[in-house]
Amino acid sequence: MAWCERCDRYFNSEHALWQHKRDSSMHHMCYECNKDFASAWALKQHYVQSPRHPYCQQCEILFDDWEELEDHYNEDHHFCDICRKIFKNEFGLHEHRRQSHADRYCVPCKRMFRNANNLEQHRRSAVHQPLTVLCPMKGCGRAFVSNAALILHLESGSCVSRMDRDKINRLMRHIDRGGIITDPSRLLTDGERVVDMWATERAWNGAGYECYLCHHTYRSLVALNQHLRSPAHAEKIYRCPRALYGCGMEFSALSSFCQHVESDRCGVCRFRKEVDRVLEGLSSGMKRLTMG
């Protein structure tokens, strides 16, 4: 016989007692903890206070796991996942983020970022900056927010002029003769030519296409060859000039150097005019190429 102390009743079996507790308004069970509560309020307080239960107090819903609860918070509530707080409305959440997370929150866009650096990059993007830097190449007409964005456009080979990273590097050898931002010992001479690297099906290692230089794997041969044509393994021919109070950091692409300067991370930002003068020479050189 099984006895229910709260109801002062006997049952023929433990299973019958379990059914009684499940169906009776006198019992409120937490089956995961195997605890019996005298009221629904007591059970709810248990869910709220216990770290074992993914429970939404506002909706009074017990979820199967914490991931489901997190999705529920983000989809159905005004939730700050940093502070783990729920707000009554969108305005309350917005004000909280504006005041407490200003280092990673874009107020006009009402958008959170992972860190302050990502927020700063967003603020420097075309979303908040005017497109004032025009592509100098004939027939292009595109505009960009910065020199770095323009150079990246040209390096990628997407410009109608068919300018690419190798051509820019060759131009820079002639323009930066003083070696302000380039390392002359690493630049190509007139007699040298660029050697393209590409992979074949032999790069497949059974799990992916492997780069023989860094041993990273890629899902497709196209992706691997894009990696080989990128600056990933190129010579670091650009440098942040110590003569202009720079940090000496080296870069394999001019666009990377420009991004570094525009980020204001080191002292070279105080001498951006000198750096811009070199880039203006590059722009003039590219114009002459298209006109010729």
C-alpha atoms as a PDB file:
ATOM      1  CA  MET A   1       0.000   0.000   0.000  1.00  0.00           C
ATOM      2  CA  ALA A   2       1.093   3.546  -0.746  1.00  0.00           C
ATOM      3  CA  TRP A   3       0.038   6.423   1.494  1.00  0.00           C
ATOM      4  CA  CYS A   4      -0.434  10.113   0.660  1.00  0.00           C
ATOM      5  CA  GLU A   5       0.369  12.026   3.829  1.00  0.00           C
ATOM      6  CA  ARG A   6      -1.101  15.324   2.629  1.00  0.00           C
ATOM      7  CA  CYS A   7      -4.439  13.812   1.636  1.00  0.00           C
ATOM      8  CA  ASP A   8      -4.397  11.058   4.309  1.00  0.00           C
ATOM      9  CA  ARG A   9      -5.244   8.401   1.722  1.00  0.00           C
ATOM     10  CA  TYR A  10      -3.943   4.943   0.878  1.00  0.00           C
ATOM     11  CA  PHE A  11      -3.411   3.670  -2.685  1.00  0.00           C
ATOM     12  CA  ASN A  12      -2.944   0.174  -4.017  1.00  0.00           C
ATOM     13  CA  SER A  13       0.445   0.905  -5.608  1.00  0.00           C
ATOM     14  CA  GLU A  14       3.159   3.533  -6.004  1.00  0.00           C
ATOM     15  CA  HIS A  15       1.963   4.058  -9.552  1.00  0.00           C
ATOM     16  CA  ALA A  16      -1.550   4.836  -8.325  1.00  0.00           C
ATOM     17  CA  LEU A  17      -0.074   7.291  -5.822  1.00  0.00           C
ATOM     18  CA  TRP A  18       1.926   8.948  -8.618  1.00  0.00           C
ATOM     19  CA  GLN A  19      -1.243   9.330 -10.741  1.00  0.00           C
ATOM     20  CA  HIS A  20      -3.011  10.849  -7.748  1.00  0.00           C
ATOM     21  CA  LYS A  21      -0.283  13.444  -7.217  1.00  0.00           C
ATOM     22  CA  ARG A  22      -0.240  14.233 -10.937  1.00  0.00           C
ATOM     23  CA  ASP A  23      -3.995  14.848 -11.152  1.00  0.00           C
ATOM     24  CA  SER A  24      -4.885  16.208  -7.720  1.00  0.00           C
ATOM     25  CA  SER A  25      -5.182  19.946  -7.063  1.00  0.00           C
ATOM     26  CA  MET A  26      -3.574  19.247  -3.691  1.00  0.00           C
ATOM     27  CA  HIS A  27      -0.250  18.378  -5.321  1.00  0.00           C
ATOM     28  CA  HIS A  28       2.054  20.461  -7.517  1.00  0.00           C
ATOM     29  CA  MET A  29       4.980  18.348  -8.606  1.00  0.00           C
ATOM     30  CA  CYS A  30       8.425  19.241  -9.908  1.00  0.00           C
ATOM     31  CA  TYR A  31       9.273  15.941 -11.542  1.00  0.00           C
ATOM     32  CA  GLU A  32      12.863  16.851 -12.339  1.00  0.00           C
ATOM     33  CA  CYS A  33      13.633  17.543  -8.668  1.00  0.00           C
ATOM     34  CA  ASN A  34      11.117  14.952  -7.394  1.00  0.00           C
ATOM     35  CA  LYS A  35       9.555  17.530  -5.071  1.00  0.00           C
ATOM     36  CA  ASP A  36       5.900  17.965  -4.163  1.00  0.00           C
ATOM     37  CA  PHE A  37       4.608  21.478  -3.415  1.00  0.00           C
ATOM     38  CA  ALA A  38       1.375  22.374  -1.633  1.00  0.00           C
ATOM     39  CA  SER A  39       0.398  25.158  -4.039  1.00  0.00           C
ATOM     40  CA  ALA A  40       0.960  26.400  -7.573  1.00  0.00           C
ATOM     41  CA  TRP A  41       2.572  29.533  -6.101  1.00  0.00           C
ATOM     42  CA  ALA A  42       5.103  27.426  -4.168  1.00  0.00           C
ATOM     43  CA  LEU A  43       5.963  25.467  -7.324  1.00  0.00           C
ATOM     44  CA  LYS A  44       6.372  28.684  -9.299  1.00  0.00           C
ATOM     45  CA  GLN A  45       8.714  30.117  -6.657  1.00  0.00           C
ATOM     46  CA  HIS A  46      10.728  26.929  -6.866  1.00  0.00           C
ATOM     47  CA  TYR A  47      11.092  27.330 -10.660  1.00  0.00           C
ATOM     48  CA  VAL A  48      12.068  30.994 -10.251  1.00  0.00           C
ATOM     49  CA  GLN A  49      14.662  30.431  -7.518  1.00  0.00           C
ATOM     50  CA  SER A  50      16.165  27.157  -8.649  1.00  0.00           C
ATOM     51  CA  PRO A  51      19.154  27.382 -11.077  1.00  0.00           C
ATOM     52  CA  ARG A  52      18.100  24.053 -12.563  1.00  0.00           C
ATOM     53  CA  HIS A  53      14.984  25.237 -14.359  1.00  0.00           C
ATOM     54  CA  PRO A  54      14.826  27.329 -17.602  1.00  0.00           C
ATOM     55  CA  TYR A  55      11.692  29.177 -16.544  1.00  0.00           C
ATOM     56  CA  CYS A  56      10.217  32.438 -17.866  1.00  0.00           C
ATOM     57  CA  GLN A  57       8.636  34.176 -14.898  1.00  0.00           C
ATOM     58  CA  GLN A  58       6.737  36.696 -17.032  1.00  0.00           C
ATOM     59  CA  CYS A  59       5.053  34.046 -19.183  1.00  0.00           C
ATOM     60  CA  GLU A  60       5.020  31.295 -16.521  1.00  0.00           C
ATOM     61  CA  ILE A  61       6.453  28.803 -19.021  1.00  0.00           C
ATOM     62  CA  LEU A  62       8.977  26.079 -18.203  1.00  0.00           C
ATOM     63  CA  PHE A  63      11.214  25.320 -21.194  1.00  0.00           C
ATOM     64  CA  ASP A  64      13.055  22.122 -22.020  1.00  0.00           C
ATOM     65  CA  ASP A  65      16.496  23.726 -21.980  1.00  0.00           C
ATOM     66  CA  TRP A  66      18.290  27.059 -21.524  1.00  0.00           C
ATOM     67  CA  GLU A  67      18.755  27.582 -25.250  1.00  0.00           C
ATOM     68  CA  GLU A  68      14.990  27.506 -25.771  1.00  0.00           C
ATOM     69  CA  LEU A  69      14.536  30.013 -22.949  1.00  0.00           C
ATOM     70  CA  GLU A  70      17.200  32.305 -24.472  1.00  0.00           C
ATOM     71  CA  ASP A  71      15.449  32.179 -27.855  1.00  0.00           C
ATOM     72  CA  HIS A  72      12.144  32.953 -26.140  1.00  0.00           C
ATOM     73  CA  TYR A  73      13.631  35.969 -24.361  1.00  0.00           C
ATOM     74  CA  ASN A  74      15.072  37.378 -27.580  1.00  0.00           C
ATOM     75  CA  GLU A  75      11.983  36.733 -29.693  1.00  0.00           C
ATOM     76  CA  ASP A  76       9.145  37.525 -27.302  1.00  0.00           C
ATOM     77  CA  HIS A  77      10.601  39.978 -24.787  1.00  0.00           C
ATOM     78  CA  HIS A  78      12.658  43.167 -24.685  1.00  0.00           C
ATOM     79  CA  PHE A  79      15.729  41.444 -23.323  1.00  0.00           C
ATOM     80  CA  CYS A  80      19.270  42.607 -22.541  1.00  0.00           C
ATOM     81  CA  ASP A  81      21.405  39.490 -22.865  1.00  0.00           C
ATOM     82  CA  ILE A  82      24.377  41.184 -21.193  1.00  0.00           C
ATOM     83  CA  CYS A  83      22.596  42.145 -17.964  1.00  0.00           C
ATOM     84  CA  ARG A  84      20.047  39.313 -18.197  1.00  0.00           C
ATOM     85  CA  LYS A  85      17.201  41.780 -17.706  1.00  0.00           C
ATOM     86  CA  ILE A  86      13.763  41.997 -19.332  1.00  0.00           C
ATOM     87  CA  PHE A  87      12.181  45.412 -19.946  1.00  0.00           C
ATOM     88  CA  LYS A  88       8.519  46.321 -20.312  1.00  0.00           C
ATOM     89  CA  ASN A  89       8.871  47.755 -23.802  1.00  0.00           C
ATOM     90  CA  GLU A  90      11.301  48.579 -26.603  1.00  0.00           C
ATOM     91  CA  PHE A  91      11.873  52.097 -25.307  1.00  0.00           C
ATOM     92  CA  GLY A  92      12.911  50.773 -21.887  1.00  0.00           C
ATOM     93  CA  LEU A  93      15.442  48.433 -23.474  1.00  0.00           C
ATOM     94  CA  HIS A  94      16.694  51.193 -25.772  1.00  0.00           C
ATOM     95  CA  GLU A  95      17.253  53.595 -22.868  1.00  0.00           C
ATOM     96  CA  HIS A  96      18.995  50.892 -20.859  1.00  0.00           C
ATOM     97  CA  ARG A  97      21.399  50.113 -23.702  1.00  0.00           C
ATOM     98  CA  ARG A  98      21.973  53.814 -24.404  1.00  0.00           C
ATOM     99  CA  GLN A  99      22.939  54.482 -20.793  1.00  0.00           C
ATOM    100  CA  SER A 100      24.588  51.220 -19.714  1.00  0.00           C
ATOM    101  CA  HIS A 101      26.138  49.901 -22.925  1.00  0.00           C
ATOM    102  CA  ALA A 102      27.106  53.068 -24.785  1.00  0.00           C
ATOM    103  CA  ASP A 103      30.497  51.519 -25.648  1.00  0.00           C
ATOM    104  CA  ARG A 104      28.831  48.939 -27.911  1.00  0.00           C
ATOM    105  CA  TYR A 105      25.393  50.354 -28.758  1.00  0.00           C
ATOM    106  CA  CYS A 106      24.557  52.415 -31.839  1.00  0.00           C
ATOM    107  CA  VAL A 107      21.737  54.716 -30.735  1.00  0.00           C
ATOM    108  CA  PRO A 108      20.469  55.801 -34.209  1.00  0.00           C
ATOM    109  CA  CYS A 109      20.396  52.202 -35.480  1.00  0.00           C
ATOM    110  CA  LYS A 110      19.248  50.704 -32.151  1.00  0.00           C
ATOM    111  CA  ARG A 111      21.804  47.968 -32.672  1.00  0.00           C
ATOM    112  CA  MET A 112      24.152  46.215 -30.240  1.00  0.00           C
ATOM    113  CA  PHE A 113      27.673  45.121 -31.191  1.00  0.00           C
ATOM    114  CA  ARG A 114      29.938  42.530 -29.617  1.00  0.00           C
ATOM    115  CA  ASN A 115      32.588  45.061 -28.643  1.00  0.00           C
ATOM    116  CA  ALA A 116      33.592  48.714 -28.928  1.00  0.00           C
ATOM    117  CA  ASN A 117      35.818  48.030 -31.938  1.00  0.00           C
ATOM    118  CA  ASN A 118      32.924  46.582 -33.936  1.00  0.00           C
ATOM    119  CA  LEU A 119      30.793  49.591 -33.036  1.00  0.00           C
ATOM    120  CA  GLU A 120      33.529  51.969 -34.187  1.00  0.00           C
ATOM    121  CA  GLN A 121      33.857  50.114 -37.503  1.00  0.00           C
ATOM    122  CA  HIS A 122      30.085  50.389 -37.936  1.00  0.00           C
ATOM    123  CA  ARG A 123      30.204  54.140 -37.264  1.00  0.00           C
ATOM    124  CA  ARG A 124      32.934  54.512 -39.900  1.00  0.00           C
ATOM    125  CA  SER A 125      30.938  52.541 -42.462  1.00  0.00           C
ATOM    126  CA  ALA A 126      28.692  53.832 -45.244  1.00  0.00           C
ATOM    127  CA  VAL A 127      25.739  53.565 -42.838  1.00  0.00           C
ATOM    128  CA  HIS A 128      26.905  56.697 -40.991  1.00  0.00           C
ATOM    129  CA  GLN A 129      29.563  58.238 -43.229  1.00  0.00           C
ATOM    130  CA  PRO A 130      29.106  60.093 -46.533  1.00  0.00           C
ATOM    131  CA  LEU A 131      30.537  58.568 -49.717  1.00  0.00           C
ATOM    132  CA  THR A 132      33.103  61.255 -50.452  1.00  0.00           C
ATOM    133  CA  VAL A 133      36.017  59.256 -51.894  1.00  0.00           C
ATOM    134  CA  LEU A 134      35.489  58.750 -55.625  1.00  0.00           C
ATOM    135  CA  CYS A 135      37.074  55.925 -57.593  1.00  0.00           C
ATOM    136  CA  PRO A 136      39.561  57.606 -59.964  1.00  0.00           C
ATOM    137  CA  MET A 137      39.314  54.875 -62.586  1.00  0.00           C
ATOM    138  CA  LYS A 138      37.648  55.766 -65.893  1.00  0.00           C
ATOM    139  CA  GLY A 139      34.154  54.353 -66.284  1.00  0.00           C
ATOM    140  CA  CYS A 140      33.718  53.318 -62.645  1.00  0.00           C
ATOM    141  CA  GLY A 141      31.975  56.202 -60.881  1.00  0.00           C
ATOM    142  CA  ARG A 142      31.633  54.434 -57.523  1.00  0.00           C
ATOM    143  CA  ALA A 143      32.152  56.332 -54.277  1.00  0.00           C
ATOM    144  CA  PHE A 144      33.402  55.146 -50.876  1.00  0.00           C
ATOM    145  CA  VAL A 145      33.576  56.316 -47.276  1.00  0.00           C
ATOM    146  CA  SER A 146      37.372  56.183 -47.019  1.00  0.00           C
ATOM    147  CA  ASN A 147      40.653  55.569 -48.810  1.00  0.00           C
ATOM    148  CA  ALA A 148      40.771  52.091 -47.291  1.00  0.00           C
ATOM    149  CA  ALA A 149      37.389  51.201 -48.808  1.00  0.00           C
ATOM    150  CA  LEU A 150      38.476  52.538 -52.210  1.00  0.00           C
ATOM    151  CA  ILE A 151      41.772  50.622 -52.180  1.00  0.00           C
ATOM    152  CA  LEU A 152      39.977  47.432 -51.132  1.00  0.00           C
ATOM    153  CA  HIS A 153      37.604  47.886 -54.070  1.00  0.00           C
ATOM    154  CA  LEU A 154      40.550  48.174 -56.466  1.00  0.00           C
ATOM    155  CA  GLU A 155      42.555  45.332 -54.899  1.00  0.00           C
ATOM    156  CA  SER A 156      39.612  42.962 -55.225  1.00  0.00           C
ATOM    157  CA  GLY A 157      39.610  43.280 -59.014  1.00  0.00           C
ATOM    158  CA  SER A 158      35.917  44.211 -59.012  1.00  0.00           C
ATOM    159  CA  CYS A 159      36.494  47.644 -60.571  1.00  0.00           C
ATOM    160  CA  VAL A 160      35.635  47.991 -64.274  1.00  0.00           C
ATOM    161  CA  SER A 161      39.216  49.152 -64.809  1.00  0.00           C
ATOM    162  CA  ARG A 162      40.477  45.630 -63.938  1.00  0.00           C
ATOM    163  CA  MET A 163      42.881  47.137 -61.453  1.00  0.00           C
ATOM    164  CA  ASP A 164      44.007  44.572 -58.864  1.00  0.00           C
ATOM    165  CA  ARG A 165      46.330  44.174 -55.894  1.00  0.00           C
ATOM    166  CA  ASP A 166      49.419  43.302 -57.961  1.00  0.00           C
ATOM    167  CA  LYS A 167      49.034  46.379 -60.180  1.00  0.00           C
ATOM    168  CA  ILE A 168      48.593  48.602 -57.124  1.00  0.00           C
ATOM    169  CA  ASN A 169      51.752  47.156 -55.577  1.00  0.00           C
ATOM    170  CA  ARG A 170      53.704  47.880 -58.768  1.00  0.00           C
ATOM    171  CA  LEU A 171      52.418  51.454 -58.849  1.00  0.00           C
ATOM    172  CA  MET A 172      53.369  51.984 -55.229  1.00  0.00           C
ATOM    173  CA  ARG A 173      56.952  50.967 -55.991  1.00  0.00           C
ATOM    174  CA  HIS A 174      57.222  53.970 -58.323  1.00  0.00           C
ATOM    175  CA  ILE A 175      55.183  56.410 -56.220  1.00  0.00           C
ATOM    176  CA  ASP A 176      56.645  55.792 -52.760  1.00  0.00           C
ATOM    177  CA  ARG A 177      60.286  56.096 -53.801  1.00  0.00           C
ATOM    178  CA  GLY A 178      61.191  57.455 -50.392  1.00  0.00           C
ATOM    179  CA  GLY A 179      59.913  54.304 -48.706  1.00  0.00           C
ATOM    180  CA  ILE A 180      57.519  56.164 -46.428  1.00  0.00           C
ATOM    181  CA  ILE A 181      54.978  53.349 -46.218  1.00  0.00           C
ATOM    182  CA  THR A 182      56.666  50.610 -48.290  1.00  0.00           C
ATOM    183  CA  ASP A 183      59.640  48.368 -47.632  1.00  0.00           C
ATOM    184  CA  PRO A 184      61.900  48.704 -50.717  1.00  0.00           C
ATOM    185  CA  SER A 185      63.666  45.423 -49.954  1.00  0.00           C
ATOM    186  CA  ARG A 186      60.395  43.530 -50.381  1.00  0.00           C
ATOM    187  CA  LEU A 187      59.000  45.316 -53.420  1.00  0.00           C
ATOM    188  CA  LEU A 188      59.221  43.824 -56.887  1.00  0.00           C
ATOM    189  CA  THR A 189      61.838  45.199 -59.257  1.00  0.00           C
ATOM    190  CA  ASP A 190      61.150  45.941 -62.907  1.00  0.00           C
ATOM    191  CA  GLY A 191      62.549  42.613 -64.013  1.00  0.00           C
ATOM    192  CA  GLU A 192      60.444  40.518 -61.672  1.00  0.00           C
ATOM    193  CA  ARG A 193      56.950  39.269 -62.337  1.00  0.00           C
ATOM    194  CA  VAL A 194      54.153  38.107 -60.092  1.00  0.00           C
ATOM    195  CA  VAL A 195      53.782  34.346 -59.764  1.00  0.00           C
ATOM    196  CA  ASP A 196      50.193  33.206 -59.291  1.00  0.00           C
ATOM    197  CA  MET A 197      49.476  30.301 -56.961  1.00  0.00           C
ATOM    198  CA  TRP A 198      46.542  27.978 -57.438  1.00  0.00           C
ATOM    199  CA  ALA A 199      45.495  24.577 -56.193  1.00  0.00           C
ATOM    200  CA  THR A 200      44.150  21.510 -57.984  1.00  0.00           C
ATOM    201  CA  GLU A 201      42.018  18.557 -56.926  1.00  0.00           C
ATOM    202  CA  ARG A 202      45.166  17.064 -55.415  1.00  0.00           C
ATOM    203  CA  ALA A 203      44.689  19.499 -52.503  1.00  0.00           C
ATOM    204  CA  TRP A 204      41.817  17.300 -51.230  1.00  0.00           C
ATOM    205  CA  ASN A 205      42.930  15.582 -47.998  1.00  0.00           C
ATOM    206  CA  GLY A 206      39.824  13.511 -47.396  1.00  0.00           C
ATOM    207  CA  ALA A 207      38.062  16.127 -45.292  1.00  0.00           C
ATOM    208  CA  GLY A 208      38.552  19.351 -47.257  1.00  0.00           C
ATOM    209  CA  TYR A 209      40.823  21.245 -49.635  1.00  0.00           C
ATOM    210  CA  GLU A 210      44.028  21.991 -47.732  1.00  0.00           C
ATOM    211  CA  CYS A 211      46.286  24.994 -48.173  1.00  0.00           C
ATOM    212  CA  TYR A 212      49.843  23.669 -48.422  1.00  0.00           C
ATOM    213  CA  LEU A 213      51.187  26.873 -46.874  1.00  0.00           C
ATOM    214  CA  CYS A 214      49.073  27.263 -43.725  1.00  0.00           C
ATOM    215  CA  HIS A 215      47.253  23.886 -43.736  1.00  0.00           C
ATOM    216  CA  HIS A 216      43.816  25.467 -43.286  1.00  0.00           C
ATOM    217  CA  THR A 217      41.069  23.500 -45.042  1.00  0.00           C
ATOM    218  CA  TYR A 218      38.240  24.786 -47.233  1.00  0.00           C
ATOM    219  CA  ARG A 219      34.984  23.223 -48.349  1.00  0.00           C
ATOM    220  CA  SER A 220      35.547  23.876 -52.038  1.00  0.00           C
ATOM    221  CA  LEU A 221      38.466  24.213 -54.437  1.00  0.00           C
ATOM    222  CA  VAL A 222      37.156  27.656 -55.431  1.00  0.00           C
ATOM    223  CA  ALA A 223      37.361  28.821 -51.811  1.00  0.00           C
ATOM    224  CA  LEU A 224      40.916  27.510 -51.477  1.00  0.00           C
ATOM    225  CA  ASN A 225      42.038  29.303 -54.640  1.00  0.00           C
ATOM    226  CA  GLN A 226      40.397  32.521 -53.430  1.00  0.00           C
ATOM    227  CA  HIS A 227      42.452  32.138 -50.261  1.00  0.00           C
ATOM    228  CA  LEU A 228      45.663  31.626 -52.289  1.00  0.00           C
ATOM    229  CA  ARG A 229      44.956  34.739 -54.361  1.00  0.00           C
ATOM    230  CA  SER A 230      44.255  36.816 -51.236  1.00  0.00           C
ATOM    231  CA  PRO A 231      46.954  38.681 -49.269  1.00  0.00           C
ATOM    232  CA  ALA A 232      47.023  35.864 -46.700  1.00  0.00           C
ATOM    233  CA  HIS A 233      50.447  34.583 -47.831  1.00  0.00           C
ATOM    234  CA  ALA A 234      51.697  37.652 -49.668  1.00  0.00           C
ATOM    235  CA  GLU A 235      54.884  39.497 -48.773  1.00  0.00           C
ATOM    236  CA  LYS A 236      54.344  42.215 -46.155  1.00  0.00           C
ATOM    237  CA  ILE A 237      55.561  45.130 -48.241  1.00  0.00           C
ATOM    238  CA  TYR A 238      53.726  47.924 -46.389  1.00  0.00           C
ATOM    239  CA  ARG A 239      54.644  49.216 -42.960  1.00  0.00           C
ATOM    240  CA  CYS A 240      53.377  51.776 -40.495  1.00  0.00           C
ATOM    241  CA  PRO A 241      56.237  54.336 -40.616  1.00  0.00           C
ATOM    242  CA  ARG A 242      58.141  54.782 -37.376  1.00  0.00           C
ATOM    243  CA  ALA A 243      59.546  58.015 -38.843  1.00  0.00           C
ATOM    244  CA  LEU A 244      56.013  59.432 -38.561  1.00  0.00           C
ATOM    245  CA  TYR A 245      55.539  58.082 -35.038  1.00  0.00           C
ATOM    246  CA  GLY A 246      53.920  54.917 -36.340  1.00  0.00           C
ATOM    247  CA  CYS A 247      54.082  51.516 -34.682  1.00  0.00           C
ATOM    248  CA  GLY A 248      56.091  49.661 -37.342  1.00  0.00           C
ATOM    249  CA  MET A 249      53.337  47.127 -37.946  1.00  0.00           C
ATOM    250  CA  GLU A 250      53.606  45.396 -41.357  1.00  0.00           C
ATOM    251  CA  PHE A 251      50.863  44.654 -43.894  1.00  0.00           C
ATOM    252  CA  SER A 252      50.607  42.588 -47.051  1.00  0.00           C
ATOM    253  CA  ALA A 253      47.946  44.830 -48.629  1.00  0.00           C
ATOM    254  CA  LEU A 254      47.710  48.596 -48.971  1.00  0.00           C
ATOM    255  CA  SER A 255      44.045  48.505 -47.925  1.00  0.00           C
ATOM    256  CA  SER A 256      45.020  46.867 -44.614  1.00  0.00           C
ATOM    257  CA  PHE A 257      47.553  49.620 -43.953  1.00  0.00           C
ATOM    258  CA  CYS A 258      44.927  52.292 -44.753  1.00  0.00           C
ATOM    259  CA  GLN A 259      42.449  50.664 -42.368  1.00  0.00           C
ATOM    260  CA  HIS A 260      45.131  50.714 -39.680  1.00  0.00           C
ATOM    261  CA  VAL A 261      45.786  54.439 -40.195  1.00  0.00           C
ATOM    262  CA  GLU A 262      42.072  55.296 -40.267  1.00  0.00           C
ATOM    263  CA  SER A 263      41.465  53.361 -37.041  1.00  0.00           C
ATOM    264  CA  ASP A 264      43.605  55.919 -35.118  1.00  0.00           C
ATOM    265  CA  ARG A 265      45.237  53.084 -33.176  1.00  0.00           C
ATOM    266  CA  CYS A 266      48.755  54.479 -33.183  1.00  0.00           C
ATOM    267  CA  GLY A 267      50.654  57.758 -33.444  1.00  0.00           C
ATOM    268  CA  VAL A 268      50.769  57.759 -37.241  1.00  0.00           C
ATOM    269  CA  CYS A 269      47.218  59.129 -37.269  1.00  0.00           C
ATOM    270  CA  ARG A 270      48.711  62.549 -36.403  1.00  0.00           C
ATOM    271  CA  PHE A 271      50.509  62.528 -39.746  1.00  0.00           C
ATOM    272  CA  ARG A 272      47.693  61.363 -41.982  1.00  0.00           C
ATOM    273  CA  LYS A 273      48.374  64.251 -44.368  1.00  0.00           C
ATOM    274  CA  GLU A 274      51.739  62.741 -45.269  1.00  0.00           C
ATOM    275  CA  VAL A 275      50.170  59.334 -45.773  1.00  0.00           C
ATOM    276  CA  ASP A 276      47.300  60.843 -47.790  1.00  0.00           C
ATOM    277  CA  ARG A 277      49.879  62.552 -50.008  1.00  0.00           C
ATOM    278  CA  VAL A 278      51.282  59.140 -50.967  1.00  0.00           C
ATOM    279  CA  LEU A 279      47.780  57.854 -51.679  1.00  0.00           C
ATOM    280  CA  GLU A 280      47.017  60.905 -53.807  1.00  0.00           C
ATOM    281  CA  GLY A 281      50.070  60.008 -55.881  1.00  0.00           C
ATOM    282  CA  LEU A 282      48.633  56.517 -56.317  1.00  0.00           C
ATOM    283  CA  SER A 283      45.306  57.987 -57.428  1.00  0.00           C
ATOM    284  CA  SER A 284      47.037  60.206 -59.984  1.00  0.00           C
ATOM    285  CA  GLY A 285      49.041  57.256 -61.262  1.00  0.00           C
ATOM    286  CA  MET A 286      45.900  55.175 -61.740  1.00  0.00           C
ATOM    287  CA  LYS A 287      44.202  58.026 -63.612  1.00  0.00           C
ATOM    288  CA  ARG A 288      47.157  58.237 -66.014  1.00  0.00           C
ATOM    289  CA  LEU A 289      46.900  54.491 -66.622  1.00  0.00           C
ATOM    290  CA  THR A 290      43.241  54.694 -67.651  1.00  0.00           C
ATOM    291  CA  MET A 291      43.779  57.805 -69.759  1.00  0.00           C
ATOM    292  CA  GLY A 292      46.655  56.178 -71.556  1.00  0.00           C
END
